Amino acid sequence: MKVTFLGHACILLEIGQTGVLVDPFITANEKAAGKVDITDLNPDYILITHAHQDHILDVESICKRSDSVIVSNYEIAMHYEAKGFRVHPMNHGGSWSFDFGKVKYTNAIHTSSFPDGSYGGQPGGFIISSGKKQVYIAGDTALTTDMKLIPLTYKLDLAILPIGDNFTMGIEDAVMAADFVSCNTVLGYHYDTFGYIEIDHEKAVKKFKEAGKMLHLLPIGDSITI
């Protein structure tokens, strides 16, 4: 499984021949300018954690070209189905076996509304299991003890956690989250995009290292393989 960081909270998973894009926010992200071209993205699926603009901005333009299936909570799925897009609705605690693997929809503590203020359902995250690999994408969330339930069922190879603070967990809470989910390999996201969420990279890596964990802070467009 190849995991590519496309800036902010946007992740591309390449699972065999299937492309799974998460929370596409690219065209308005100055950090991604010249590094990511959405016309190069042709995912089979788009997973959406919640309805905020910095997670859904490029969903429609990508789907119109790629005919991707949108996977999200019921409210978000119905929002896009009403616009003619293909969707698969989910809700917290539920799971579904897709052609690329099994997806579990997890709890997240955050808010969720569309740019026009309409209700975007409750935010969530995803655990993706494919073959022997398991990845947790936390979405925008606070630290929550619900995360302690994950290792009772899953043995994660990678935890993708927000680390930018202010709107989500910061570094210290993300280290605790990695403990809660029993995963020592972490990909940080949702940081540096805006002034509110800028972080000290050296300090962040050191905090995780002191806790016996590896924090990956990938340049936009770079990948890791698990």
Protein backbone atom coordinates (compact mmCIF):
# COMPACT_ATOMS: atom_id res chain seq x y z
CA MET A 1 0.00 0.00 0.00
CA LYS A 2 1.43 3.33 -1.08
CA VAL A 3 0.45 6.43 0.92
CA THR A 4 1.05 9.86 -0.64
CA PHE A 5 0.65 13.16 1.20
CA LEU A 6 -1.01 15.78 -1.02
CA GLY A 7 -1.05 18.60 1.51
CA HIS A 8 -3.19 19.60 4.49
CA ALA A 9 -5.41 16.54 5.18
CA CYS A 10 -5.41 15.12 1.67
CA ILE A 11 -4.04 11.60 1.31
CA LEU A 12 -3.87 9.29 -1.70
CA LEU A 13 -3.80 5.57 -1.03
CA GLU A 14 -2.78 3.26 -3.86
CA ILE A 15 -3.97 -0.21 -2.98
CA GLY A 16 -3.12 -2.56 -5.80
CA GLN A 17 -4.72 -1.02 -8.88
CA THR A 18 -7.24 1.02 -6.85
CA GLY A 19 -6.84 4.68 -5.96
CA VAL A 20 -8.46 5.97 -2.76
CA LEU A 21 -8.33 9.72 -2.22
CA VAL A 22 -9.11 11.25 1.17
CA ASP A 23 -10.34 14.83 1.81
CA PRO A 24 -9.20 16.61 -1.37
CA PHE A 25 -8.28 20.23 -0.66
CA ILE A 26 -5.69 21.14 -3.27
CA THR A 27 -6.58 24.01 -5.59
CA ALA A 28 -6.86 26.57 -2.77
CA ASN A 29 -3.89 25.26 -0.82
CA GLU A 30 -0.98 27.58 -1.57
CA LYS A 31 1.41 25.00 -0.10
CA ALA A 32 0.41 22.53 -2.82
CA ALA A 33 0.72 24.96 -5.72
CA GLY A 34 2.99 23.55 -8.42
CA LYS A 35 3.31 20.26 -6.53
CA VAL A 36 -0.10 18.66 -7.08
CA ASP A 37 -2.29 18.89 -10.17
CA ILE A 38 -5.83 17.63 -9.60
CA THR A 39 -6.12 16.69 -13.27
CA ASP A 40 -3.56 13.98 -12.53
CA LEU A 41 -5.82 12.48 -9.86
CA ASN A 42 -8.24 9.79 -11.03
CA PRO A 43 -9.25 7.96 -7.88
CA ASP A 44 -11.74 5.13 -7.82
CA TYR A 45 -13.00 6.28 -4.43
CA ILE A 46 -13.02 9.53 -2.46
CA LEU A 47 -13.34 9.22 1.32
CA ILE A 48 -14.57 12.32 3.17
CA THR A 49 -14.13 12.67 6.93
CA HIS A 50 -16.37 15.74 7.31
CA ALA A 51 -17.91 18.60 5.34
CA HIS A 52 -15.60 21.54 6.05
CA GLN A 53 -14.31 23.30 2.94
CA ASP A 54 -10.68 22.42 3.64
CA HIS A 55 -11.67 18.76 3.21
CA ILE A 56 -14.17 18.80 0.33
CA LEU A 57 -13.11 21.68 -1.94
CA ASP A 58 -12.06 19.58 -4.93
CA VAL A 59 -14.45 16.64 -4.51
CA GLU A 60 -16.87 17.63 -7.26
CA SER A 61 -14.30 18.62 -9.89
CA ILE A 62 -12.42 15.35 -9.41
CA CYS A 63 -15.59 13.24 -9.40
CA LYS A 64 -16.92 14.84 -12.57
CA ARG A 65 -13.83 13.68 -14.40
CA SER A 66 -13.13 10.37 -12.66
CA ASP A 67 -16.63 9.19 -11.69
CA SER A 68 -15.27 8.28 -8.26
CA VAL A 69 -17.49 6.76 -5.59
CA ILE A 70 -17.83 9.11 -2.61
CA VAL A 71 -17.70 7.37 0.77
CA SER A 72 -18.72 9.34 3.84
CA ASN A 73 -21.36 9.74 6.52
CA TYR A 74 -25.01 9.57 5.49
CA GLU A 75 -25.57 13.32 5.32
CA ILE A 76 -22.50 14.02 3.19
CA ALA A 77 -23.26 11.07 0.92
CA MET A 78 -26.84 12.23 0.38
CA HIS A 79 -25.61 15.77 -0.33
CA TYR A 80 -23.50 14.48 -3.21
CA GLU A 81 -26.01 11.90 -4.40
CA ALA A 82 -28.53 14.74 -4.86
CA LYS A 83 -26.00 16.30 -7.23
CA GLY A 84 -25.80 13.14 -9.31
CA PHE A 85 -22.61 11.61 -7.94
CA ARG A 86 -22.12 7.97 -7.02
CA VAL A 87 -21.97 7.48 -3.25
CA HIS A 88 -21.69 4.91 -0.51
CA PRO A 89 -23.14 6.19 2.80
CA MET A 90 -21.71 5.01 6.13
CA ASN A 91 -22.05 5.87 9.78
CA HIS A 92 -20.10 5.49 12.99
CA GLY A 93 -19.20 1.95 13.98
CA GLY A 94 -20.19 0.56 10.60
CA SER A 95 -17.90 -1.20 8.15
CA TRP A 96 -18.11 -2.29 4.53
CA SER A 97 -16.02 -4.51 2.29
CA PHE A 98 -15.08 -2.69 -0.91
CA ASP A 99 -13.07 -4.15 -3.78
CA PHE A 100 -9.86 -2.65 -2.35
CA GLY A 101 -10.43 -3.76 1.26
CA LYS A 102 -12.60 -3.24 4.32
CA VAL A 103 -13.43 0.23 5.65
CA LYS A 104 -14.52 0.97 9.20
CA TYR A 105 -16.08 4.37 9.97
CA THR A 106 -14.76 5.61 13.32
CA ASN A 107 -15.65 8.32 15.81
CA ALA A 108 -14.04 11.75 15.70
CA ILE A 109 -14.60 14.78 17.91
CA HIS A 110 -14.90 17.87 15.74
CA THR A 111 -17.65 19.76 13.88
CA SER A 112 -19.00 19.32 10.36
CA SER A 113 -20.85 21.75 8.13
CA PHE A 114 -20.76 22.59 4.44
CA PRO A 115 -19.41 25.99 3.33
CA ASP A 116 -22.96 27.34 3.08
CA GLY A 117 -23.56 26.43 6.72
CA SER A 118 -25.80 23.42 6.06
CA TYR A 119 -25.48 20.34 8.23
CA GLY A 120 -22.69 17.94 7.33
CA GLY A 121 -23.50 15.14 9.74
CA GLN A 122 -21.08 14.03 12.43
CA PRO A 123 -17.35 13.93 11.64
CA GLY A 124 -15.50 10.65 11.49
CA GLY A 125 -12.37 8.81 10.53
CA PHE A 126 -11.57 5.57 8.70
CA ILE A 127 -9.69 2.35 9.30
CA ILE A 128 -8.74 0.71 6.03
CA SER A 129 -7.80 -2.96 6.02
CA SER A 130 -6.36 -4.44 2.86
CA GLY A 131 -4.51 -7.72 2.78
CA LYS A 132 -2.42 -7.75 5.93
CA LYS A 133 -2.10 -3.95 6.12
CA GLN A 134 -4.22 -1.67 8.30
CA VAL A 135 -4.22 2.12 8.27
CA TYR A 136 -6.09 4.49 10.56
CA ILE A 137 -7.02 7.91 9.17
CA ALA A 138 -8.22 9.86 12.19
CA GLY A 139 -9.74 12.85 10.40
CA ASP A 140 -10.00 16.15 12.24
CA THR A 141 -10.37 15.17 15.86
CA ALA A 142 -9.53 15.84 19.44
CA LEU A 143 -7.82 13.17 21.49
CA THR A 144 -10.51 10.74 22.59
CA THR A 145 -10.51 7.56 24.65
CA ASP A 146 -12.58 5.96 21.87
CA MET A 147 -9.22 5.46 20.18
CA LYS A 148 -8.37 2.86 22.82
CA LEU A 149 -10.97 0.57 21.28
CA ILE A 150 -9.10 0.35 17.98
CA PRO A 151 -6.24 -1.99 19.02
CA LEU A 152 -8.76 -4.40 20.52
CA THR A 153 -9.65 -5.33 16.93
CA TYR A 154 -6.93 -3.91 14.69
CA LYS A 155 -3.15 -4.07 14.57
CA LEU A 156 -2.31 -0.86 12.77
CA ASP A 157 0.66 -0.48 10.44
CA LEU A 158 0.19 3.28 10.18
CA ALA A 159 -1.77 5.95 12.04
CA ILE A 160 -2.46 9.18 10.14
CA LEU A 161 -3.09 11.81 12.79
CA PRO A 162 -3.76 15.57 12.82
CA ILE A 163 -0.99 17.40 14.66
CA GLY A 164 -1.52 21.10 13.94
CA ASP A 165 -3.32 21.99 17.20
CA ASN A 166 -5.91 24.81 17.50
CA PHE A 167 -8.59 23.01 15.41
CA THR A 168 -7.48 19.43 16.23
CA MET A 169 -5.02 17.56 18.38
CA GLY A 170 -1.59 19.07 18.80
CA ILE A 171 1.71 17.21 19.09
CA GLU A 172 1.39 16.14 22.72
CA ASP A 173 -2.12 14.78 22.26
CA ALA A 174 -1.13 13.06 19.01
CA VAL A 175 1.65 11.22 20.86
CA MET A 176 -0.99 10.03 23.33
CA ALA A 177 -3.30 9.09 20.45
CA ALA A 178 -0.54 6.91 18.98
CA ASP A 179 -0.35 5.17 22.37
CA PHE A 180 -4.12 4.76 22.48
CA VAL A 181 -4.21 3.08 19.05
CA SER A 182 -1.00 1.10 19.75
CA CYS A 183 0.81 2.29 16.64
CA ASN A 184 4.39 3.52 16.67
CA THR A 185 4.47 4.68 13.04
CA VAL A 186 2.63 7.95 12.49
CA LEU A 187 2.07 10.16 9.48
CA GLY A 188 1.30 13.69 10.59
CA TYR A 189 -1.20 15.81 8.70
CA HIS A 190 -3.44 18.87 9.10
CA TYR A 191 -0.51 21.16 9.91
CA ASP A 192 1.29 24.22 8.44
CA THR A 193 -1.44 25.03 5.88
CA PHE A 194 -2.62 28.12 7.77
CA GLY A 195 -1.06 30.32 10.42
CA TYR A 196 -3.22 28.78 13.13
CA ILE A 197 -1.73 25.32 12.62
CA GLU A 198 1.95 25.93 11.93
CA ILE A 199 4.24 23.62 13.89
CA ASP A 200 7.90 23.26 14.82
CA HIS A 201 8.91 20.21 12.78
CA GLU A 202 12.07 19.45 14.74
CA LYS A 203 10.25 19.64 18.06
CA ALA A 204 7.42 17.45 16.77
CA VAL A 205 9.74 14.70 15.54
CA LYS A 206 11.68 14.84 18.82
CA LYS A 207 8.50 14.46 20.92
CA PHE A 208 7.52 11.34 19.03
CA LYS A 209 11.04 9.93 19.15
CA GLU A 210 11.19 10.43 22.92
CA ALA A 211 8.01 8.38 23.15
CA GLY A 212 9.55 5.59 21.05
CA LYS A 213 7.63 6.46 17.90
CA MET A 214 8.40 7.54 14.36
CA LEU A 215 6.69 10.65 13.04
CA HIS A 216 6.73 11.13 9.27
CA LEU A 217 6.33 14.71 8.05
CA LEU A 218 6.29 14.19 4.32
CA PRO A 219 6.89 16.97 1.79
CA ILE A 220 3.78 17.47 -0.34
CA GLY A 221 3.79 14.87 -3.11
CA ASP A 222 6.04 12.42 -1.26
CA SER A 223 5.03 8.89 -0.29
CA ILE A 224 5.68 6.06 2.07
CA THR A 225 4.95 2.40 1.43
CA ILE A 226 3.69 0.06 4.11
